[in-house]
Structure formats: C-alpha cells, structure tokens
Amino acid sequence: MCSTNHKVSLGFVKEKVCEGTHLCLVFTDHKERVDSLLKFLLAGMQEDDRTACFSDEISEKTIKDFFKENHISYDERKEKEAITFGKASEVYFENNTFDPDRMLGILEKFYKDSKEKGFTASRVIGEMSPQIESIEGGDRLLEYECRVTQLLEKCPVTAVCQYNANLFDGATIMEVLKVHPKMIVNGAVVENPFYIKPAEYLESMQNKK
C-alpha cells in the first residue's frame, strides 16, 4: 500500500511505483546502468519531480545531451533547481568518510526543500562506489540502507540505488538486496524475496557485534 496516493514512473520500466519506494538495481552491463539512469532522470523532468543523480560513471554532458534529444533544456532545469548532479564519491564520501547520519540529513532536506519549492514529488538515483569498502564508516553501509527505508516512510523520496555486480562480491550484493524492499529484475519491478524489515535487520546487526 502506498503511503501517499501518488505513483511515479521510473522511466525505464513499465510499472509505476508508490512515491517513496526504495529500490535496488544490481547491474552488470554499462549500457543498463546508463540507460536506467538517464530514463529515470528524464521521467523526473516529465513528471515535474525534483530530481537528483549521484554517479562517478556518467558525465553532466551526457545527461545534457540526452535531455536535448528529448527537447528538454538541462541548463534551464538546473537553474530552477529541478535537477541536481554530483559525483557519487564526493557526495557519499565527504572527507574520505562515509557518514550515514550526514547522508540521511541530506536526503531529508532534499525532500523538505522540494515540497517548499512546489515540486510534485522528489526522486534520487545514486550509484554506490566499491570505494566504500575501504574508507572510514564504510562498514555502516547496510545500516544506512536500512535507515533510508525508514526515512522514506515520512519523507517519501523515490530512491533507486545502483550497484555494479562486477565490482562487489556476491556476499555483499546479497546483503544489499536484503535491505531494499523492491528490486528491478529484467526490466521489471518485483517484490524483493530477500528483504528483511529495517528494525529486524538492524537488530540482527547489533546481535552480531
């Protein structure tokens, strides 16, 4: 059941999802990564959502050119704060540290600012870098993903998390899947059979310490 009556198009799958859905897209192909990201951003512009993108693997020029092909001015939308682009490593790893509290604060502020600015809804797509496995705070990744799901219940940003299966080992990917309610498989949104509710997963993490 949707926490709001609003459903959004992701742009790269047929189904619409409830506003505030937290999805995981595990990919192995560069084309899949780029195609899903660009179409997600375009759908955001078409639905008048405030949209943010964090990626080290795509350039702002690529987004701008794609928008131009679809008769949308990237510069005009950026000036109106309808779209934000940032390098994932710079956004996630300020001072070479991963701080879930800081990131959750950014996400909450993004949602509240979007409402104040009059946008229909808000959405974010971000690709997690394998760099997280070697920096301070990186061991809090799964805690962060759990807490994102919790935050989206009160601040319904539609969020897609991209993970490159070529750069993370299978055990890590499996844990990542456990903390996302929905996943995207073969171009379709599916209920995640591996999903564990945040409170339960966080408790299990505490018990392992």
C-alpha atoms as a PDB file:
ATOM      1  CA  MET A   1       0.000   0.000   0.000  1.00  0.00           C
ATOM      2  CA  CYS A   2       1.263   3.467  -0.894  1.00  0.00           C
ATOM      3  CA  SER A   3       1.949   5.913   1.935  1.00  0.00           C
ATOM      4  CA  THR A   4       0.587   8.596  -0.415  1.00  0.00           C
ATOM      5  CA  ASN A   5      -1.844   8.413  -3.334  1.00  0.00           C
ATOM      6  CA  HIS A   6       0.883   9.430  -5.767  1.00  0.00           C
ATOM      7  CA  LYS A   7       2.577   6.901  -8.057  1.00  0.00           C
ATOM      8  CA  VAL A   8       5.617   7.714 -10.140  1.00  0.00           C
ATOM      9  CA  SER A   9       7.134   6.436 -13.359  1.00  0.00           C
ATOM     10  CA  LEU A  10      10.756   5.314 -13.115  1.00  0.00           C
ATOM     11  CA  GLY A  11      11.094   5.811 -16.855  1.00  0.00           C
ATOM     12  CA  PHE A  12      12.944   2.570 -17.576  1.00  0.00           C
ATOM     13  CA  VAL A  13      10.311   0.014 -16.518  1.00  0.00           C
ATOM     14  CA  LYS A  14       6.620  -0.251 -17.390  1.00  0.00           C
ATOM     15  CA  GLU A  15       5.281  -0.274 -13.836  1.00  0.00           C
ATOM     16  CA  LYS A  16       4.696   2.831 -11.786  1.00  0.00           C
ATOM     17  CA  VAL A  17       5.741   2.629  -8.147  1.00  0.00           C
ATOM     18  CA  CYS A  18       4.477   4.234  -4.970  1.00  0.00           C
ATOM     19  CA  GLU A  19       6.064   7.557  -4.166  1.00  0.00           C
ATOM     20  CA  GLY A  20       8.798   6.923  -1.606  1.00  0.00           C
ATOM     21  CA  THR A  21       9.738   3.439  -2.830  1.00  0.00           C
ATOM     22  CA  HIS A  22      13.308   2.296  -2.097  1.00  0.00           C
ATOM     23  CA  LEU A  23      14.582   0.134  -4.951  1.00  0.00           C
ATOM     24  CA  CYS A  24      17.786  -1.708  -5.742  1.00  0.00           C
ATOM     25  CA  LEU A  25      19.116  -2.116  -9.276  1.00  0.00           C
ATOM     26  CA  VAL A  26      22.025  -4.559  -9.476  1.00  0.00           C
ATOM     27  CA  PHE A  27      23.623  -4.375 -12.908  1.00  0.00           C
ATOM     28  CA  THR A  28      26.492  -5.972 -14.780  1.00  0.00           C
ATOM     29  CA  ASP A  29      26.301  -4.008 -18.011  1.00  0.00           C
ATOM     30  CA  HIS A  30      27.377  -0.388 -18.523  1.00  0.00           C
ATOM     31  CA  LYS A  31      24.572   0.226 -21.009  1.00  0.00           C
ATOM     32  CA  GLU A  32      21.982  -0.908 -18.461  1.00  0.00           C
ATOM     33  CA  ARG A  33      23.463   1.462 -15.887  1.00  0.00           C
ATOM     34  CA  VAL A  34      23.373   4.476 -18.218  1.00  0.00           C
ATOM     35  CA  ASP A  35      20.019   3.674 -19.810  1.00  0.00           C
ATOM     36  CA  SER A  36      18.227   3.317 -16.477  1.00  0.00           C
ATOM     37  CA  LEU A  37      19.823   6.437 -15.029  1.00  0.00           C
ATOM     38  CA  LEU A  38      19.032   8.698 -17.990  1.00  0.00           C
ATOM     39  CA  LYS A  39      15.453   7.482 -18.348  1.00  0.00           C
ATOM     40  CA  PHE A  40      14.883   7.872 -14.606  1.00  0.00           C
ATOM     41  CA  LEU A  41      16.063  11.489 -14.776  1.00  0.00           C
ATOM     42  CA  LEU A  42      14.003  12.202 -17.887  1.00  0.00           C
ATOM     43  CA  ALA A  43      10.862  10.789 -16.257  1.00  0.00           C
ATOM     44  CA  GLY A  44      11.518  13.068 -13.320  1.00  0.00           C
ATOM     45  CA  MET A  45      11.561  16.092 -15.592  1.00  0.00           C
ATOM     46  CA  GLN A  46       8.425  14.953 -17.402  1.00  0.00           C
ATOM     47  CA  GLU A  47       6.560  14.472 -14.120  1.00  0.00           C
ATOM     48  CA  ASP A  48       7.793  17.758 -12.628  1.00  0.00           C
ATOM     49  CA  ASP A  49       9.670  15.949  -9.862  1.00  0.00           C
ATOM     50  CA  ARG A  50      12.722  17.445  -8.233  1.00  0.00           C
ATOM     51  CA  THR A  51      15.473  15.040  -9.213  1.00  0.00           C
ATOM     52  CA  ALA A  52      18.997  14.264  -8.051  1.00  0.00           C
ATOM     53  CA  CYS A  53      21.660  11.995  -9.515  1.00  0.00           C
ATOM     54  CA  PHE A  54      24.921  10.827  -7.925  1.00  0.00           C
ATOM     55  CA  SER A  55      27.308   8.933 -10.175  1.00  0.00           C
ATOM     56  CA  ASP A  56      31.020   8.723 -10.916  1.00  0.00           C
ATOM     57  CA  GLU A  57      30.424   6.890 -14.189  1.00  0.00           C
ATOM     58  CA  ILE A  58      28.370   9.384 -16.157  1.00  0.00           C
ATOM     59  CA  SER A  59      29.053  12.997 -17.074  1.00  0.00           C
ATOM     60  CA  GLU A  60      26.805  16.007 -16.823  1.00  0.00           C
ATOM     61  CA  LYS A  61      27.293  16.480 -20.562  1.00  0.00           C
ATOM     62  CA  THR A  62      25.818  13.031 -21.248  1.00  0.00           C
ATOM     63  CA  ILE A  63      22.717  13.986 -19.283  1.00  0.00           C
ATOM     64  CA  LYS A  64      22.506  17.354 -21.020  1.00  0.00           C
ATOM     65  CA  ASP A  65      22.772  15.767 -24.476  1.00  0.00           C
ATOM     66  CA  PHE A  66      20.119  13.172 -23.627  1.00  0.00           C
ATOM     67  CA  PHE A  67      17.737  15.856 -22.406  1.00  0.00           C
ATOM     68  CA  LYS A  68      18.345  17.872 -25.578  1.00  0.00           C
ATOM     69  CA  GLU A  69      17.405  14.831 -27.672  1.00  0.00           C
ATOM     70  CA  ASN A  70      14.136  14.782 -25.723  1.00  0.00           C
ATOM     71  CA  HIS A  71      13.514  18.524 -26.101  1.00  0.00           C
ATOM     72  CA  ILE A  72      14.322  19.485 -22.515  1.00  0.00           C
ATOM     73  CA  SER A  73      16.889  22.102 -21.533  1.00  0.00           C
ATOM     74  CA  TYR A  74      19.158  20.708 -18.829  1.00  0.00           C
ATOM     75  CA  ASP A  75      20.515  24.177 -18.031  1.00  0.00           C
ATOM     76  CA  GLU A  76      17.036  25.645 -17.523  1.00  0.00           C
ATOM     77  CA  ARG A  77      16.001  22.787 -15.234  1.00  0.00           C
ATOM     78  CA  LYS A  78      19.240  23.069 -13.294  1.00  0.00           C
ATOM     79  CA  GLU A  79      18.748  26.801 -12.832  1.00  0.00           C
ATOM     80  CA  LYS A  80      15.273  26.124 -11.400  1.00  0.00           C
ATOM     81  CA  GLU A  81      16.829  23.507  -9.061  1.00  0.00           C
ATOM     82  CA  ALA A  82      14.711  20.821 -10.692  1.00  0.00           C
ATOM     83  CA  ILE A  83      17.787  18.667 -11.209  1.00  0.00           C
ATOM     84  CA  THR A  84      20.994  18.197  -9.247  1.00  0.00           C
ATOM     85  CA  PHE A  85      24.038  16.240 -10.362  1.00  0.00           C
ATOM     86  CA  GLY A  86      27.002  15.260  -8.229  1.00  0.00           C
ATOM     87  CA  LYS A  87      29.881  12.817  -8.267  1.00  0.00           C
ATOM     88  CA  ALA A  88      28.917   9.875  -6.055  1.00  0.00           C
ATOM     89  CA  SER A  89      32.318   9.720  -4.365  1.00  0.00           C
ATOM     90  CA  GLU A  90      32.135  13.426  -3.470  1.00  0.00           C
ATOM     91  CA  VAL A  91      28.559  13.245  -2.175  1.00  0.00           C
ATOM     92  CA  TYR A  92      28.823   9.976  -0.239  1.00  0.00           C
ATOM     93  CA  PHE A  93      32.417  10.250   0.993  1.00  0.00           C
ATOM     94  CA  GLU A  94      32.967  13.768   2.296  1.00  0.00           C
ATOM     95  CA  ASN A  95      36.452  13.991   3.828  1.00  0.00           C
ATOM     96  CA  ASN A  96      37.007  10.391   2.727  1.00  0.00           C
ATOM     97  CA  THR A  97      34.441   9.208   5.284  1.00  0.00           C
ATOM     98  CA  PHE A  98      31.018   7.632   4.915  1.00  0.00           C
ATOM     99  CA  ASP A  99      28.607   9.099   7.469  1.00  0.00           C
ATOM    100  CA  PRO A 100      25.041   7.706   7.300  1.00  0.00           C
ATOM    101  CA  ASP A 101      23.713  10.466   9.557  1.00  0.00           C
ATOM    102  CA  ARG A 102      25.014  13.160   7.205  1.00  0.00           C
ATOM    103  CA  MET A 103      23.596  11.397   4.155  1.00  0.00           C
ATOM    104  CA  LEU A 104      20.187  10.896   5.771  1.00  0.00           C
ATOM    105  CA  GLY A 105      20.168  14.575   6.662  1.00  0.00           C
ATOM    106  CA  ILE A 106      20.863  15.475   3.033  1.00  0.00           C
ATOM    107  CA  LEU A 107      18.030  13.227   1.865  1.00  0.00           C
ATOM    108  CA  GLU A 108      15.557  14.635   4.377  1.00  0.00           C
ATOM    109  CA  LYS A 109      16.486  18.228   3.486  1.00  0.00           C
ATOM    110  CA  PHE A 110      16.153  17.409  -0.219  1.00  0.00           C
ATOM    111  CA  TYR A 111      12.606  16.182   0.362  1.00  0.00           C
ATOM    112  CA  LYS A 112      11.547  19.139   2.510  1.00  0.00           C
ATOM    113  CA  ASP A 113      13.102  21.700   0.148  1.00  0.00           C
ATOM    114  CA  SER A 114      11.364  20.032  -2.810  1.00  0.00           C
ATOM    115  CA  LYS A 115       7.980  20.402  -1.113  1.00  0.00           C
ATOM    116  CA  GLU A 116       8.672  24.029  -0.238  1.00  0.00           C
ATOM    117  CA  LYS A 117       9.692  24.783  -3.819  1.00  0.00           C
ATOM    118  CA  GLY A 118       6.404  23.367  -5.106  1.00  0.00           C
ATOM    119  CA  PHE A 119       7.609  20.253  -6.907  1.00  0.00           C
ATOM    120  CA  THR A 120       5.107  17.430  -7.439  1.00  0.00           C
ATOM    121  CA  ALA A 121       7.452  14.897  -5.852  1.00  0.00           C
ATOM    122  CA  SER A 122      11.149  14.156  -5.453  1.00  0.00           C
ATOM    123  CA  ARG A 123      13.424  11.363  -6.631  1.00  0.00           C
ATOM    124  CA  VAL A 124      17.061  10.314  -6.333  1.00  0.00           C
ATOM    125  CA  ILE A 125      19.222   7.825  -8.190  1.00  0.00           C
ATOM    126  CA  GLY A 126      22.691   7.022  -6.915  1.00  0.00           C
ATOM    127  CA  GLU A 127      25.398   4.503  -7.664  1.00  0.00           C
ATOM    128  CA  MET A 128      27.369   3.168  -4.723  1.00  0.00           C
ATOM    129  CA  SER A 129      31.101   3.039  -5.287  1.00  0.00           C
ATOM    130  CA  PRO A 130      33.162   0.000  -4.198  1.00  0.00           C
ATOM    131  CA  GLN A 131      35.430   2.584  -2.577  1.00  0.00           C
ATOM    132  CA  ILE A 132      33.073   2.323   0.395  1.00  0.00           C
ATOM    133  CA  GLU A 133      34.692  -0.969   1.350  1.00  0.00           C
ATOM    134  CA  SER A 134      38.000   0.726   2.152  1.00  0.00           C
ATOM    135  CA  ILE A 135      37.076   4.026   3.825  1.00  0.00           C
ATOM    136  CA  GLU A 136      36.145   5.063   7.348  1.00  0.00           C
ATOM    137  CA  GLY A 137      32.469   4.396   8.036  1.00  0.00           C
ATOM    138  CA  GLY A 138      32.111   2.056   5.101  1.00  0.00           C
ATOM    139  CA  ASP A 139      31.061  -0.758   7.396  1.00  0.00           C
ATOM    140  CA  ARG A 140      27.859   1.210   8.075  1.00  0.00           C
ATOM    141  CA  LEU A 141      26.550   0.855   4.515  1.00  0.00           C
ATOM    142  CA  LEU A 142      23.844  -1.680   5.347  1.00  0.00           C
ATOM    143  CA  GLU A 143      22.786   0.332   8.392  1.00  0.00           C
ATOM    144  CA  TYR A 144      22.449   3.332   6.067  1.00  0.00           C
ATOM    145  CA  GLU A 145      20.319   1.472   3.523  1.00  0.00           C
ATOM    146  CA  CYS A 146      18.004   0.241   6.319  1.00  0.00           C
ATOM    147  CA  ARG A 147      17.620   3.744   7.661  1.00  0.00           C
ATOM    148  CA  VAL A 148      16.890   5.114   4.182  1.00  0.00           C
ATOM    149  CA  THR A 149      13.867   2.803   4.012  1.00  0.00           C
ATOM    150  CA  GLN A 150      12.733   4.083   7.408  1.00  0.00           C
ATOM    151  CA  LEU A 151      13.246   7.729   6.432  1.00  0.00           C
ATOM    152  CA  LEU A 152      11.272   7.355   3.208  1.00  0.00           C
ATOM    153  CA  GLU A 153       8.191   6.424   5.231  1.00  0.00           C
ATOM    154  CA  LYS A 154       7.984  10.039   6.432  1.00  0.00           C
ATOM    155  CA  CYS A 155       9.902  11.720   3.620  1.00  0.00           C
ATOM    156  CA  PRO A 156       8.747   9.829   0.505  1.00  0.00           C
ATOM    157  CA  VAL A 157      11.574  10.401  -1.939  1.00  0.00           C
ATOM    158  CA  THR A 158      11.561   7.735  -4.646  1.00  0.00           C
ATOM    159  CA  ALA A 159      15.066   6.265  -4.488  1.00  0.00           C
ATOM    160  CA  VAL A 160      16.926   3.912  -6.822  1.00  0.00           C
ATOM    161  CA  CYS A 161      20.263   2.521  -5.607  1.00  0.00           C
ATOM    162  CA  GLN A 162      22.541   1.174  -8.327  1.00  0.00           C
ATOM    163  CA  TYR A 163      25.167  -1.470  -7.517  1.00  0.00           C
ATOM    164  CA  ASN A 164      27.667  -2.845 -10.011  1.00  0.00           C
ATOM    165  CA  ALA A 165      27.805  -6.622  -9.516  1.00  0.00           C
ATOM    166  CA  ASN A 166      31.177  -6.670 -11.284  1.00  0.00           C
ATOM    167  CA  LEU A 167      32.732  -4.583  -8.512  1.00  0.00           C
ATOM    168  CA  PHE A 168      31.116  -6.014  -5.363  1.00  0.00           C
ATOM    169  CA  ASP A 169      31.395  -9.638  -4.287  1.00  0.00           C
ATOM    170  CA  GLY A 170      28.351 -11.889  -4.204  1.00  0.00           C
ATOM    171  CA  ALA A 171      28.053 -11.878  -0.406  1.00  0.00           C
ATOM    172  CA  THR A 172      27.928  -8.065  -0.314  1.00  0.00           C
ATOM    173  CA  ILE A 173      25.333  -7.922  -3.077  1.00  0.00           C
ATOM    174  CA  MET A 174      23.166 -10.423  -1.212  1.00  0.00           C
ATOM    175  CA  GLU A 175      23.280  -8.284   1.939  1.00  0.00           C
ATOM    176  CA  VAL A 176      22.484  -5.177  -0.100  1.00  0.00           C
ATOM    177  CA  LEU A 177      19.422  -6.907  -1.526  1.00  0.00           C
ATOM    178  CA  LYS A 178      18.201  -7.749   1.969  1.00  0.00           C
ATOM    179  CA  VAL A 179      17.832  -4.050   2.832  1.00  0.00           C
ATOM    180  CA  HIS A 180      15.816  -2.949  -0.210  1.00  0.00           C
ATOM    181  CA  PRO A 181      12.038  -3.599  -0.257  1.00  0.00           C
ATOM    182  CA  LYS A 182      11.905  -3.789  -4.042  1.00  0.00           C
ATOM    183  CA  MET A 183      14.335  -4.733  -6.757  1.00  0.00           C
ATOM    184  CA  ILE A 184      14.480  -4.309 -10.507  1.00  0.00           C
ATOM    185  CA  VAL A 185      14.986  -7.545 -12.421  1.00  0.00           C
ATOM    186  CA  ASN A 186      14.923  -7.941 -16.223  1.00  0.00           C
ATOM    187  CA  GLY A 187      13.246  -4.582 -16.669  1.00  0.00           C
ATOM    188  CA  ALA A 188      10.513  -5.143 -14.090  1.00  0.00           C
ATOM    189  CA  VAL A 189       9.907  -4.029 -10.511  1.00  0.00           C
ATOM    190  CA  VAL A 190       9.465  -7.011  -8.208  1.00  0.00           C
ATOM    191  CA  GLU A 191       8.857  -7.541  -4.517  1.00  0.00           C
ATOM    192  CA  ASN A 192      12.219  -8.477  -3.068  1.00  0.00           C
ATOM    193  CA  PRO A 193      12.082 -12.056  -1.710  1.00  0.00           C
ATOM    194  CA  PHE A 194      15.290 -11.458   0.256  1.00  0.00           C
ATOM    195  CA  TYR A 195      14.040  -8.306   2.003  1.00  0.00           C
ATOM    196  CA  ILE A 196      14.282  -8.052   5.778  1.00  0.00           C
ATOM    197  CA  LYS A 197      12.470  -5.190   7.523  1.00  0.00           C
ATOM    198  CA  PRO A 198      14.824  -2.466   8.779  1.00  0.00           C
ATOM    199  CA  ALA A 199      14.192  -2.908  12.526  1.00  0.00           C
ATOM    200  CA  GLU A 200      14.749  -6.646  12.255  1.00  0.00           C
ATOM    201  CA  TYR A 201      17.897  -6.290  10.159  1.00  0.00           C
ATOM    202  CA  LEU A 202      19.362  -3.579  12.405  1.00  0.00           C
ATOM    203  CA  GLU A 203      18.695  -5.731  15.452  1.00  0.00           C
ATOM    204  CA  SER A 204      20.485  -8.670  13.831  1.00  0.00           C
ATOM    205  CA  MET A 205      23.461  -6.403  13.134  1.00  0.00           C
ATOM    206  CA  GLN A 206      23.596  -5.399  16.789  1.00  0.00           C
ATOM    207  CA  ASN A 207      23.465  -9.035  17.876  1.00  0.00           C
ATOM    208  CA  LYS A 208      26.463  -9.860  15.696  1.00  0.00           C
ATOM    209  CA  LYS A 209      28.645  -7.240  17.391  1.00  0.00           C
END
